[in-house]
Amino acid sequence: MVDRNGRHTRAGSEVRVYAPGKRTVLGGRLVDTGGGYCSQGVTPAHFGLPMDGKVDVEVTSMTKTGRKITRVANVDPNKLPKRVLVVKV
C-alpha cells in the first residue's frame, strides 16, 4: 500500500480479496513492515488467486481522520502489469 505520493507508508493495513460483486472472502492479509531486529522493509501482500476471473480488492487503513476503506472492483489479476496491483489510499 502506498500513500498519494507513492510512498510505502501503510503498514498495518488490512487487505481482503473478494469474489467479484460478492462479500465472499477469498483471502486476507495484514501489511507488515518486515521482521527482525532493527530492520524494516516494504512487504507486499501476496495472494493465491483463481487462474481465471476477476476479484474485488478492499484495503482498510488508518489515516489521520480514522479508518479508511479503499475498494477496487473487478480486478483481473492476469491483466495487471507484472501481476502487481498498487492501491493508493
Protein backbone atom coordinates (compact mmCIF):
# COMPACT_ATOMS: atom_id res chain seq x y z
CA MET A 1 0.00 0.00 0.00
CA VAL A 2 1.23 3.44 -0.81
CA ASP A 3 0.05 6.93 0.03
CA ARG A 4 -0.93 9.53 -2.58
CA ASN A 5 2.73 10.36 -3.20
CA GLY A 6 3.72 6.75 -3.86
CA ARG A 7 5.50 6.27 -0.53
CA HIS A 8 5.14 2.87 1.13
CA THR A 9 3.70 4.02 4.46
CA ARG A 10 0.66 1.90 5.16
CA ALA A 11 1.98 -0.84 7.43
CA GLY A 12 -0.85 -2.32 9.47
CA SER A 13 -3.36 -2.04 6.62
CA GLU A 14 -5.73 -4.95 6.13
CA VAL A 15 -6.10 -6.29 2.59
CA ARG A 16 -9.02 -8.54 1.62
CA VAL A 17 -9.77 -10.17 -1.71
CA TYR A 18 -13.41 -10.99 -2.51
CA ALA A 19 -15.28 -12.85 -5.21
CA PRO A 20 -16.42 -10.16 -7.67
CA GLY A 21 -19.63 -8.41 -6.66
CA LYS A 22 -19.98 -10.54 -3.52
CA ARG A 23 -18.77 -10.49 0.07
CA THR A 24 -17.25 -13.97 -0.23
CA VAL A 25 -13.70 -13.65 1.11
CA LEU A 26 -11.05 -15.40 -0.98
CA GLY A 27 -8.13 -14.24 1.16
CA GLY A 28 -6.90 -11.68 3.63
CA ARG A 29 -3.54 -10.30 4.72
CA LEU A 30 -2.10 -7.75 7.11
CA VAL A 31 0.56 -5.47 5.61
CA ASP A 32 3.75 -5.99 7.62
CA THR A 33 6.78 -3.71 7.98
CA GLY A 34 9.22 -6.58 7.71
CA GLY A 35 10.77 -8.53 10.51
CA GLY A 36 13.87 -8.96 12.54
CA TYR A 37 15.89 -6.91 14.94
CA CYS A 38 16.44 -3.29 13.81
CA SER A 39 15.07 -3.97 10.36
CA GLN A 40 12.22 -2.64 8.32
CA GLY A 41 11.16 -3.24 4.77
CA VAL A 42 8.27 -2.95 2.40
CA THR A 43 6.49 -6.26 2.43
CA PRO A 44 3.81 -6.66 -0.25
CA ALA A 45 0.70 -8.72 0.45
CA HIS A 46 0.75 -11.88 -1.69
CA PHE A 47 -2.39 -13.87 -2.59
CA GLY A 48 -3.04 -17.10 -4.42
CA LEU A 49 -5.90 -16.29 -6.79
CA PRO A 50 -8.02 -18.20 -9.29
CA MET A 51 -6.43 -18.52 -12.73
CA ASP A 52 -9.50 -17.15 -14.48
CA GLY A 53 -11.92 -14.46 -13.49
CA LYS A 54 -11.85 -11.21 -11.63
CA VAL A 55 -11.72 -10.25 -7.96
CA ASP A 56 -12.58 -7.25 -5.80
CA VAL A 57 -9.83 -5.89 -3.54
CA GLU A 58 -10.50 -3.95 -0.34
CA VAL A 59 -7.85 -2.15 1.74
CA THR A 60 -8.63 -0.85 5.23
CA SER A 61 -6.01 1.53 6.59
CA MET A 62 -5.66 4.12 9.32
CA THR A 63 -5.45 7.78 8.39
CA LYS A 64 -5.27 10.95 10.46
CA THR A 65 -9.07 11.06 10.47
CA GLY A 66 -9.65 7.36 11.27
CA ARG A 67 -10.22 4.15 9.31
CA LYS A 68 -10.43 4.46 5.55
CA ILE A 69 -11.66 1.73 3.22
CA THR A 70 -10.46 1.76 -0.38
CA ARG A 71 -12.17 -0.69 -2.72
CA VAL A 72 -11.07 -1.66 -6.23
CA ALA A 73 -13.69 -3.69 -8.10
CA ASN A 74 -13.40 -6.15 -10.98
CA VAL A 75 -9.62 -6.57 -10.94
CA ASP A 76 -8.36 -9.10 -13.47
CA PRO A 77 -5.09 -10.41 -11.97
CA ASN A 78 -3.98 -11.76 -15.36
CA LYS A 79 -4.07 -8.28 -16.92
CA LEU A 80 -2.05 -6.48 -14.23
CA PRO A 81 1.46 -5.36 -15.18
CA LYS A 82 3.82 -7.93 -13.60
CA ARG A 83 0.71 -9.21 -11.78
CA VAL A 84 1.04 -6.41 -9.21
CA LEU A 85 -1.82 -4.16 -8.07
CA VAL A 86 -0.81 -0.90 -6.37
CA VAL A 87 -3.60 0.63 -4.28
CA LYS A 88 -3.19 4.28 -3.35
CA VAL A 89 -5.05 5.26 -0.19
